[in-house]
Every structure is written in C-alpha cells, then in structure tokens.
Protein backbone atom coordinates (compact mmCIF):
# COMPACT_ATOMS: atom_id res chain seq x y z
CA ILE A 1 6.84 -41.77 35.57
CA VAL A 2 8.78 -38.92 37.19
CA SER A 3 10.37 -38.07 33.85
CA LEU A 4 6.95 -38.06 32.15
CA PHE A 5 5.51 -35.81 34.88
CA GLN A 6 8.40 -33.35 34.46
CA LYS A 7 7.82 -33.21 30.68
CA LEU A 8 4.11 -32.50 31.22
CA GLN A 9 4.98 -29.70 33.65
CA LEU A 10 7.45 -28.21 31.16
CA ASN A 11 4.90 -28.35 28.32
CA ASN A 12 2.22 -26.72 30.48
CA PHE A 13 4.67 -23.99 31.45
CA ARG A 14 5.53 -23.33 27.80
CA ILE A 15 1.85 -23.22 26.82
CA MET A 16 1.04 -20.84 29.69
CA LYS A 17 4.03 -18.65 28.80
CA LYS A 18 2.88 -18.54 25.17
CA TYR A 19 -0.65 -17.49 26.11
CA LEU A 20 0.60 -14.88 28.56
CA LEU A 21 2.83 -13.43 25.84
CA ILE A 22 -0.11 -13.27 23.41
CA ILE A 23 -2.31 -11.56 26.02
CA ALA A 24 0.45 -9.05 26.80
CA LEU A 25 0.93 -8.25 23.11
CA VAL A 26 -2.81 -7.78 22.57
CA PHE A 27 -3.03 -5.53 25.60
CA LEU A 28 -0.04 -3.48 24.47
CA THR A 29 -1.40 -3.16 20.94
CA ALA A 30 -4.78 -2.03 22.27
CA ARG A 31 -3.14 0.61 24.40
CA VAL A 32 -1.02 1.91 21.53
CA SER A 33 -4.02 2.01 19.17
CA ALA A 34 -6.14 3.79 21.75
CA GLY A 35 -3.46 6.45 22.14
CA ASP A 36 -2.95 7.18 18.45
CA TRP A 37 -3.85 10.52 16.83
CA THR A 38 -4.51 9.47 13.26
CA GLY A 39 -5.90 12.47 11.38
CA PHE A 40 -7.32 15.99 11.49
CA ARG A 41 -8.80 16.54 14.97
CA GLY A 42 -7.96 12.99 16.02
CA PRO A 43 -9.15 9.46 15.24
CA HIS A 44 -12.82 10.50 15.27
CA GLY A 45 -12.34 13.93 13.69
CA ASN A 46 -13.95 15.65 16.67
CA GLY A 47 -11.04 17.03 18.71
CA VAL A 48 -11.93 14.89 21.74
CA SER A 49 -9.29 12.78 23.47
CA ASP A 50 -9.59 10.14 26.19
CA GLU A 51 -6.15 10.99 27.56
CA VAL A 52 -5.80 11.67 31.27
CA GLY A 53 -3.03 13.32 33.21
CA LEU A 54 -2.20 16.11 30.74
CA PRO A 55 -0.66 19.19 32.36
CA VAL A 56 -3.20 21.85 33.29
CA ASN A 57 -1.29 24.61 35.09
CA LEU A 58 1.19 25.03 32.27
CA ASP A 59 4.81 25.88 33.03
CA ILE A 60 7.35 26.21 30.22
CA LYS A 61 10.15 24.83 32.43
CA LYS A 62 8.18 21.87 33.73
CA HIS A 63 6.07 20.84 30.76
CA ILE A 64 8.17 21.18 27.59
CA ALA A 65 9.43 17.62 27.16
CA TRP A 66 11.24 18.58 23.94
CA LYS A 67 11.29 21.13 21.14
CA VAL A 68 12.60 20.36 17.64
CA ALA A 69 13.35 22.80 14.83
CA LEU A 70 11.52 22.18 11.53
CA PRO A 71 13.05 22.85 8.09
CA GLY A 72 10.12 24.84 6.70
CA LYS A 73 6.57 26.12 7.10
CA GLY A 74 3.35 24.33 7.92
CA LEU A 75 -0.15 24.56 9.39
CA SER A 76 -0.85 20.82 9.36
CA SER A 77 -1.39 18.98 12.62
CA PRO A 78 1.06 16.30 13.75
CA LEU A 79 -0.03 12.67 13.77
CA VAL A 80 1.05 10.13 16.39
CA VAL A 81 1.22 6.36 15.97
CA GLY A 82 2.78 4.48 18.86
CA ASP A 83 6.11 6.14 19.63
CA ARG A 84 6.32 8.00 16.30
CA VAL A 85 5.25 11.54 15.43
CA PHE A 86 4.64 12.50 11.80
CA VAL A 87 4.58 16.07 10.50
CA THR A 88 4.55 17.68 7.04
CA VAL A 89 6.62 20.72 6.05
CA SER A 90 7.05 22.84 2.92
CA GLY A 91 10.52 24.28 2.34
CA GLY A 92 12.41 26.34 -0.20
CA THR A 93 11.84 29.90 -1.37
CA ARG A 94 8.77 28.80 -3.35
CA GLN A 95 7.70 26.14 -0.82
CA ASP A 96 8.15 23.53 -3.52
CA ARG A 97 10.14 21.12 -1.33
CA LEU A 98 7.45 18.91 0.16
CA GLN A 99 8.70 17.13 3.25
CA ILE A 100 7.39 14.42 5.56
CA ILE A 101 9.26 13.92 8.82
CA CYS A 102 9.02 11.13 11.38
CA LEU A 103 10.20 11.91 14.92
CA SER A 104 10.58 9.83 18.04
CA SER A 105 7.88 10.79 20.53
CA ILE A 106 10.35 9.94 23.30
CA ASP A 107 13.04 12.53 22.60
CA GLY A 108 12.12 14.24 19.31
CA SER A 109 15.00 12.69 17.38
CA VAL A 110 14.52 12.29 13.62
CA ILE A 111 13.76 8.69 12.61
CA TRP A 112 13.38 9.46 8.91
CA HIS A 113 12.93 12.48 6.62
CA ARG A 114 11.57 12.32 3.06
CA GLN A 115 11.54 15.15 0.49
CA PHE A 116 9.70 15.50 -2.83
CA TRP A 117 9.34 18.17 -5.50
CA ALA A 118 5.91 19.76 -5.83
CA MET A 119 4.17 18.88 -9.08
CA GLY A 120 1.28 21.34 -8.65
CA SER A 121 0.97 25.05 -7.92
CA THR A 122 2.71 26.39 -4.82
CA MET A 123 0.92 29.73 -4.86
CA CYS A 124 -0.63 30.59 -1.50
CA HIS A 125 -1.24 33.47 0.89
CA SER A 126 1.81 34.53 2.89
CA LYS A 127 0.06 33.60 6.13
CA THR A 128 -0.59 30.03 5.13
CA SER A 129 1.60 27.24 3.76
CA ILE A 130 1.77 24.50 1.14
CA ALA A 131 1.90 22.10 4.13
CA ALA A 132 -1.53 23.21 5.35
CA PRO A 133 -3.63 20.01 5.08
CA THR A 134 -3.24 17.37 7.80
CA PRO A 135 -2.24 13.81 6.77
CA VAL A 136 -4.17 10.70 7.75
CA THR A 137 -3.05 7.18 8.65
CA ASP A 138 -4.65 3.77 9.00
CA GLY A 139 -1.79 2.60 11.23
CA VAL A 140 -0.05 0.87 8.31
CA SER A 141 0.33 3.61 5.71
CA LEU A 142 0.67 7.39 5.96
CA PHE A 143 -1.24 9.49 3.42
CA ALA A 144 -0.16 13.12 3.03
CA ILE A 145 -1.62 15.79 0.77
CA PHE A 146 -0.21 19.27 0.22
CA SER A 147 -1.76 22.51 -1.06
CA SER A 148 -0.14 21.72 -4.42
CA ASN A 149 -2.61 18.79 -4.62
CA ASP A 150 0.24 16.28 -4.49
CA ILE A 151 -0.58 13.13 -2.52
CA PHE A 152 2.03 10.73 -1.14
CA CYS A 153 1.53 7.30 0.42
CA LEU A 154 4.37 5.97 2.55
CA ASP A 155 4.65 3.12 4.98
CA LEU A 156 5.44 4.10 8.56
CA ASN A 157 9.14 3.48 7.92
CA GLY A 158 9.19 6.17 5.25
CA ASN A 159 9.19 3.95 2.16
CA LEU A 160 7.23 5.46 -0.73
CA LYS A 161 4.34 3.22 -1.87
CA TRP A 162 2.77 5.57 -4.42
CA LEU A 163 2.37 9.24 -5.29
CA ARG A 164 -0.25 11.19 -7.21
CA GLY A 165 -0.08 14.71 -8.63
CA LEU A 166 -3.75 15.59 -8.96
CA THR A 167 -3.00 18.77 -10.91
CA VAL A 168 -1.31 16.64 -13.58
CA ASP A 169 -4.75 15.17 -14.30
CA TYR A 170 -6.75 18.26 -13.30
CA PRO A 171 -4.52 21.27 -14.10
CA ASN A 172 -7.01 23.99 -13.10
CA ALA A 173 -7.56 22.69 -9.56
CA ARG A 174 -6.15 25.58 -7.53
CA ASN A 175 -6.94 28.89 -5.88
CA SER A 176 -4.76 31.92 -5.21
CA LEU A 177 -4.85 31.59 -1.39
CA GLY A 178 -3.87 27.92 -1.13
CA MET A 179 -5.68 24.69 -0.31
CA ALA A 180 -6.18 23.30 3.20
CA SER A 181 -8.77 20.49 3.25
CA SER A 182 -7.34 17.40 4.96
CA LEU A 183 -7.63 13.79 3.81
CA VAL A 184 -10.04 11.36 5.47
CA LEU A 185 -10.44 7.59 5.32
CA ALA A 186 -13.87 5.97 5.06
CA ASN A 187 -14.48 2.28 4.37
CA ASP A 188 -10.79 2.05 3.35
CA VAL A 189 -11.36 4.73 0.68
CA LEU A 190 -9.06 7.76 0.75
CA VAL A 191 -11.22 10.87 0.21
CA ALA A 192 -9.51 14.01 -1.12
CA GLN A 193 -11.51 17.24 -1.14
CA VAL A 194 -10.06 19.56 -3.83
CA GLU A 195 -12.55 22.44 -3.85
CA ASN A 196 -11.55 25.73 -5.45
CA ASP A 197 -12.64 28.54 -7.73
CA SER A 198 -12.02 26.64 -10.96
CA GLU A 199 -11.84 22.85 -11.35
CA SER A 200 -13.54 21.84 -8.11
CA PHE A 201 -14.06 18.18 -7.21
CA VAL A 202 -13.80 15.40 -4.62
CA VAL A 203 -12.20 12.06 -5.40
CA GLY A 204 -12.36 8.71 -3.69
CA LEU A 205 -9.00 6.98 -4.13
CA ASN A 206 -7.93 3.38 -3.80
CA LYS A 207 -5.66 3.62 -0.77
CA GLY A 208 -3.46 0.82 -2.09
CA SER A 209 -2.69 2.43 -5.46
CA GLY A 210 -3.92 6.03 -5.45
CA SER A 211 -6.13 5.46 -8.50
CA ASN A 212 -9.60 6.98 -8.77
CA LEU A 213 -12.53 4.92 -7.55
CA TRP A 214 -14.88 7.81 -8.22
CA LYS A 215 -14.89 11.57 -8.81
CA ILE A 216 -17.72 14.07 -8.24
CA ASN A 217 -17.88 17.71 -9.27
CA ARG A 218 -18.23 20.23 -6.47
CA PRO A 219 -19.24 23.92 -6.18
CA LYS A 220 -16.71 26.24 -7.83
CA SER A 221 -15.70 28.13 -4.72
CA ALA A 222 -12.66 28.17 -2.44
CA ASN A 223 -13.27 25.80 0.46
CA TRP A 224 -10.93 24.94 3.34
CA THR A 225 -13.15 22.62 5.37
CA THR A 226 -12.41 18.95 6.04
CA ALA A 227 -14.99 16.23 5.47
CA THR A 228 -16.61 14.50 8.45
CA VAL A 229 -16.81 10.70 8.51
CA ASN A 230 -19.82 9.00 10.06
CA LYS A 231 -18.56 5.55 11.03
CA SER A 232 -21.47 3.14 10.88
CA LYS A 233 -21.99 0.33 13.35
CA PHE A 234 -23.27 -1.71 10.42
CA GLY A 235 -20.04 -1.47 8.42
CA LYS A 236 -20.95 1.24 5.89
CA ASP A 237 -19.56 4.71 6.55
CA GLN A 238 -20.81 8.02 5.20
CA VAL A 239 -18.79 11.10 4.32
CA PHE A 240 -20.25 14.55 4.96
CA LEU A 241 -18.85 17.09 2.50
CA GLN A 242 -19.26 20.69 3.63
CA SER A 243 -19.34 23.75 1.34
CA GLY A 244 -21.16 27.02 0.80
CA GLU A 245 -24.04 24.93 -0.57
CA GLY A 246 -24.45 23.09 2.73
CA ILE A 247 -23.74 19.43 3.52
CA HIS A 248 -23.73 16.58 1.00
CA ALA A 249 -23.76 13.10 2.54
CA VAL A 250 -22.08 10.67 0.13
CA ASP A 251 -21.36 6.96 0.03
CA PRO A 252 -17.54 6.59 0.13
CA GLU A 253 -17.64 3.42 -1.95
CA ASN A 254 -19.11 5.08 -5.06
CA GLY A 255 -19.49 8.81 -4.38
CA ASN A 256 -23.29 8.66 -4.69
CA MET A 257 -25.19 11.33 -2.77
CA VAL A 258 -27.41 10.05 0.05
CA TRP A 259 -28.90 13.35 1.25
CA HIS A 260 -28.30 17.11 1.01
CA TYR A 261 -28.72 19.82 3.63
CA SER A 262 -29.10 22.89 1.41
CA ASP A 263 -29.19 25.81 3.84
CA GLY A 264 -25.52 26.76 3.34
CA ALA A 265 -22.47 26.27 5.52
CA SER A 266 -19.13 27.90 6.28
CA THR A 267 -16.10 27.23 4.09
CA ILE A 268 -13.57 27.54 6.94
CA PRO A 269 -14.59 25.82 10.23
CA SER A 270 -15.66 22.21 9.77
CA SER A 271 -18.67 20.36 11.18
CA VAL A 272 -18.43 18.04 14.16
CA LEU A 273 -20.29 14.77 14.77
CA LYS A 274 -21.41 13.37 18.13
CA GLY A 275 -23.53 10.25 18.11
CA ASN A 276 -26.35 10.82 15.63
CA MET A 277 -26.03 14.62 15.79
CA LEU A 278 -24.10 16.69 13.25
CA TYR A 279 -23.27 20.24 14.32
CA VAL A 280 -22.82 22.40 11.23
CA PRO A 281 -21.36 25.94 11.05
CA SER A 282 -24.48 27.16 9.19
CA GLN A 283 -26.50 30.30 9.96
CA GLY A 284 -24.51 30.38 13.20
CA LEU A 285 -24.51 26.77 14.38
CA THR A 286 -27.15 24.26 13.28
CA ALA A 287 -27.78 20.84 14.83
CA LEU A 288 -28.90 18.11 12.43
CA GLU A 289 -30.33 14.88 13.81
CA LEU A 290 -29.47 11.93 11.56
CA SER A 291 -31.82 8.99 11.06
CA LYS A 292 -30.72 5.52 12.19
CA ASP A 293 -30.48 4.26 8.62
CA GLY A 294 -28.38 7.31 7.60
CA LYS A 295 -30.73 8.19 4.73
CA THR A 296 -32.40 11.30 6.14
CA PHE A 297 -31.96 14.09 8.68
CA LYS A 298 -33.96 16.75 10.46
CA GLN A 299 -32.97 20.07 11.99
CA LYS A 300 -33.10 19.98 15.77
CA TRP A 301 -31.99 23.52 16.63
CA ARG A 302 -30.14 26.56 15.32
CA SER A 303 -28.33 29.34 17.18
CA GLY A 304 -26.94 32.53 15.67
CA ARG A 305 -25.16 33.20 18.97
CA LEU A 306 -22.84 30.21 18.50
CA ARG A 307 -21.30 31.24 15.19
CA PRO A 308 -17.71 29.88 15.04
CA GLY A 309 -14.83 31.84 13.54
CA THR A 310 -11.89 29.94 12.07
CA ALA A 311 -11.89 27.25 14.75
CA SER A 312 -14.22 24.28 14.30
CA PRO A 313 -16.87 23.67 17.00
CA LEU A 314 -16.33 21.01 19.65
CA ALA A 315 -18.98 18.68 21.13
CA TYR A 316 -18.05 17.21 24.50
CA ARG A 317 -20.31 15.38 26.92
CA ASN A 318 -23.44 17.52 27.40
CA HIS A 319 -22.13 20.71 25.84
CA ILE A 320 -21.18 22.26 22.53
CA TYR A 321 -18.33 24.79 22.39
CA SER A 322 -17.78 27.46 19.76
CA LEU A 323 -14.89 29.93 19.46
CA ASN A 324 -15.57 33.07 17.43
CA ASN A 325 -13.22 35.49 15.65
CA ALA A 326 -13.26 37.86 18.64
CA GLY A 327 -11.71 35.14 20.82
CA VAL A 328 -14.91 34.47 22.78
CA LEU A 329 -15.49 30.85 23.76
CA ALA A 330 -19.21 30.05 24.09
CA CYS A 331 -20.61 27.00 25.90
CA ALA A 332 -24.13 25.80 25.09
CA ASP A 333 -26.45 22.97 26.04
CA ILE A 334 -25.97 20.26 23.44
CA GLU A 335 -29.66 19.31 23.37
CA SER A 336 -31.17 22.76 22.93
CA GLY A 337 -28.37 25.04 21.73
CA LYS A 338 -29.08 27.43 24.61
CA ARG A 339 -25.94 29.40 25.48
CA LEU A 340 -24.88 28.82 29.10
CA TRP A 341 -21.75 30.94 29.43
CA GLN A 342 -19.01 32.66 27.47
CA LEU A 343 -15.36 33.36 28.22
CA ARG A 344 -12.96 35.71 26.46
CA LEU A 345 -9.60 34.20 25.49
CA ASP A 346 -6.46 35.84 24.14
CA GLY A 347 -6.63 35.40 20.35
CA PRO A 348 -6.72 35.42 17.41
CA PHE A 349 -6.97 31.71 16.62
CA GLY A 350 -6.07 29.92 13.40
CA GLY A 351 -6.39 26.34 14.65
CA SER A 352 -9.13 24.45 16.46
CA PRO A 353 -9.22 23.47 20.15
CA ILE A 354 -9.09 19.96 21.56
CA VAL A 355 -10.47 18.66 24.85
CA ALA A 356 -9.29 16.04 27.31
CA GLU A 357 -10.39 15.23 30.85
CA ASN A 358 -12.74 18.25 31.16
CA HIS A 359 -10.10 20.71 29.96
CA LEU A 360 -10.05 22.54 26.64
CA TYR A 361 -6.65 23.28 25.07
CA VAL A 362 -6.22 25.94 22.40
CA PHE A 363 -3.22 27.78 20.91
CA SER A 364 -3.43 31.34 19.62
CA GLU A 365 -1.73 32.58 16.47
CA GLU A 366 0.73 34.43 18.71
CA GLY A 367 1.81 31.15 20.30
CA LEU A 368 -0.09 31.41 23.59
CA ALA A 369 -1.33 28.08 24.94
CA GLN A 370 -4.48 28.42 27.03
CA VAL A 371 -6.26 25.77 29.10
CA VAL A 372 -9.92 26.20 30.05
CA ASP A 373 -11.40 24.25 32.96
CA LEU A 374 -14.79 23.18 31.63
CA THR A 375 -16.05 22.10 35.06
CA ALA A 376 -16.09 25.70 36.33
CA PRO A 377 -19.62 27.18 36.29
CA GLU A 378 -18.61 29.96 33.88
CA GLY A 379 -15.47 28.37 32.50
CA ASN A 380 -12.08 29.28 33.91
CA ILE A 381 -8.61 29.73 32.40
CA SER A 382 -6.54 27.34 34.49
CA GLY A 383 -3.24 27.64 32.62
CA LYS A 384 -1.28 29.70 30.10
CA MET A 385 2.10 29.26 28.43
CA ASP A 386 3.71 31.45 25.78
CA LEU A 387 5.65 29.47 23.15
CA GLY A 388 6.73 32.67 21.38
CA GLU A 389 6.05 31.55 17.78
CA MET A 390 3.04 31.88 15.49
CA ILE A 391 0.86 28.76 15.73
CA GLN A 392 -2.04 28.09 13.37
CA CYS A 393 -2.36 24.32 13.66
CA SER A 394 -4.74 22.25 15.75
CA PRO A 395 -2.81 20.29 18.39
CA ALA A 396 -2.54 16.50 18.58
CA VAL A 397 -2.94 14.48 21.78
CA ALA A 398 -1.47 11.03 22.33
CA ASN A 399 0.03 8.89 25.09
CA GLY A 400 -0.10 11.53 27.81
CA ALA A 401 1.23 14.43 25.74
CA ILE A 402 0.19 17.31 23.49
CA TYR A 403 2.03 17.90 20.22
CA VAL A 404 1.81 21.28 18.51
CA ARG A 405 3.79 22.91 15.71
CA SER A 406 4.58 26.35 14.34
CA ASN A 407 6.24 27.31 11.06
CA SER A 408 9.64 26.60 12.56
CA SER A 409 9.24 24.23 15.54
CA ILE A 410 7.33 21.32 17.02
CA TRP A 411 6.84 20.83 20.77
CA LYS A 412 5.90 17.94 23.01
CA ILE A 413 4.04 19.22 26.08
CA ALA A 414 3.71 16.73 28.94
CA ARG A 415 4.36 16.12 32.59
CA LYS A 416 8.07 15.35 32.81
CA ILE A 417 8.89 11.96 34.27
CA ARG A 418 11.30 12.12 37.18
CA PHE A 419 13.61 9.15 37.73
C-alpha cells in the first residue's frame, strides 16, 4: 500500500510539473509575441507600442546599450522577433549587394548575414537607398523587399525559402528616385506595392512560394506610401492602398476593390488606422469612418492645419499627431480634428515617430533623438540625444528598447541593467 501511495504521489508530481512547464512556455511565448516589432510602424502599422519603462531623459552614456556598424546604406526600419533584430542593407558602389542581417538584441552580435545580387534596377536618389522598404515577418518567415523590386523569403535562421525578382517579370517597374513602399501581410497574403511612373501595380503573393495570387494595375505615378491593413474581427482583412487617386480598399484574397475614396491622398506619408477610423493624409488630414461590415465609409472631419510632411500621422488614445515639413508637431482632438497645441522640434525628419507610455519618440535626419511628453498641456520636450549620423528610418520598439539605424550604424537604446 505504501509503495502504491508513493507511485501515485510521483505520478501526480510529474503531471503537475508537466502542466506547470506548459503554462510557463505559453506565458513566455505570449510575452515574446507581445514584444515583437514585425513590420513598418510595428505589428499594427500605427507606430504605437505598449512598452513601458523606455528611457525618457535621454543620456548617450546611460542609454546606449550597444551600437553596431552596418556594411552599407539603408532607410528601412529594424524588425524584432524575440531576442533577434533583423535589418536590411544595400552595399557596393552601385548598391547592388542586397543584405539581410540578424543581430542578437542582447549584445548586437551578428547571428547570421545573407547577401544577394540585385536583379532589378539600383538607380535611386543619393539621399535614399536600395534598402529603403521595411521587411515584414509572421514570426516564422522573414520577407524583405528592396528598391530593386527583389523579394526574399528566409526563415528566421537565415535559410532562403524563395526569392522573386519582380522586374524580371515586369521590367518597366521602376522610377528614377527609388522605391520605398514596405511589404504587408493580410490574411496570410504578402502584398507588394510597386507603384511608379511606368509599369505600376500591386501584387498579392503566396507567402509560401512567392507566386502571384493576383495582380492589379495602379496609377502610373511614383508612390512611396505603405498599405494599411484593417484586421477584421471576423477573419477577413482589408488592405487600404494609398495613392494620388485616394484610397482603394481591396480584398487581400483576390485583389477585388471594395470601396474607393477618390479625393486624393499624399504619396509620401501613409495613412493610420485606429479602431474604425482611418486618418488619411488628404487635403491636409481627413478622417474616414468605416462601416462595421467594411463595405462603405463616410468622411467625419477634415483639417488643412494638420497636413503631415514626410512623417506619417500617429493616432494615440484621444489625440491625433501630425509632424509637418517645418518640424512642427501638431496635436488635435481625435473626434473633431480640432488642433489643441503645436510644438516646434529640431528637424528635418525623414522617418515617422512612434509612441509608448505617453511619450513620442522621433529622430531627425541629423541624428537628433527627441522625446515629447504628451501629458504636458502644450507638449514638452523631455529628452534629447545626438547620435551624430543621418537617420531617415522610423524606429522600432521591442522588449524595453528602441532600435534605430542610420546608413552606417544601428543602435539599441534602453535603460542599462546594473548587476
């Protein structure tokens, strides 16, 4: 009897240990997933992060966790999955060496480094780069597109799964200044926006093979915006394609148009979505209220005083923020569009700001990091830090740190842990 009782105790212990291990793994996975930065302007494409504890009163001696030299140019934002940071770079005298680098978020050491030859045009303006578009990841694969319209799919260990040279199939898809629209994922379809002055189109690709699921023609005009994904609670996403002709809402499964806002839109800053409201850089800034079924919209308000420059607008809590080309940050009521305050920052700005825990973070082209306290009645600059290199990317935020890159370096900015 004693022996039987001991066996039962041992079995119960093993079962309890097993369940505790499963719970711990689920909890850890949830935390890692919640901290990932998976695409342009984050997992929701809106520049808003749930991170807490980021440094506010920036100090270059206290808050630079590491700095790593990069082997080429780039405007793309870093991505972060777990303890790995991914960044794209274009190297060589003609920027035809397309590179994808994986770094440890802990110390910046290189985990793997892949290089490919460009198959498309590497012509671009001297201020930009062939590594201008930001990659996207589903947590299993990494999808990277370059201005040469070359797309690469790798697993997170750097193994190539497939590649696609879009200009092999569509040789006139280019413009003289360079491409910059980033990839997005919607309903497991990889959407590539290749809009230019000649052969202009958007394709929905099978993310497992890179083959076309659909292709739609687009306005023949240079366009550097990134599509916005409306993730449906009912399992069917929509993709909002922005151009000089306005916004086209399309079904990512077949490319069919659902609705069209035809009052024009910018071709540089992208729209931002919050709930059922889409804020479009159009005639200043225009708020579109989307119907519950996603089939229609109506204009709620428009403000010419909130016209964004290069940086995309940012919707956070009860306010909408817009940064113009003069370096003026405007804050408006999100329901009415009424401007509440404005604050001049040190610009110019090539990238877009992000926000976390009531603080807005933005990096100027001259490398100056600025933090704005959004709880102050008129906004207040609570921190500055000069990184000394030209920065045109939008920063990434993950696991208590900010990651930002220049043409030659990438930094991790965080509160240093003292042991």
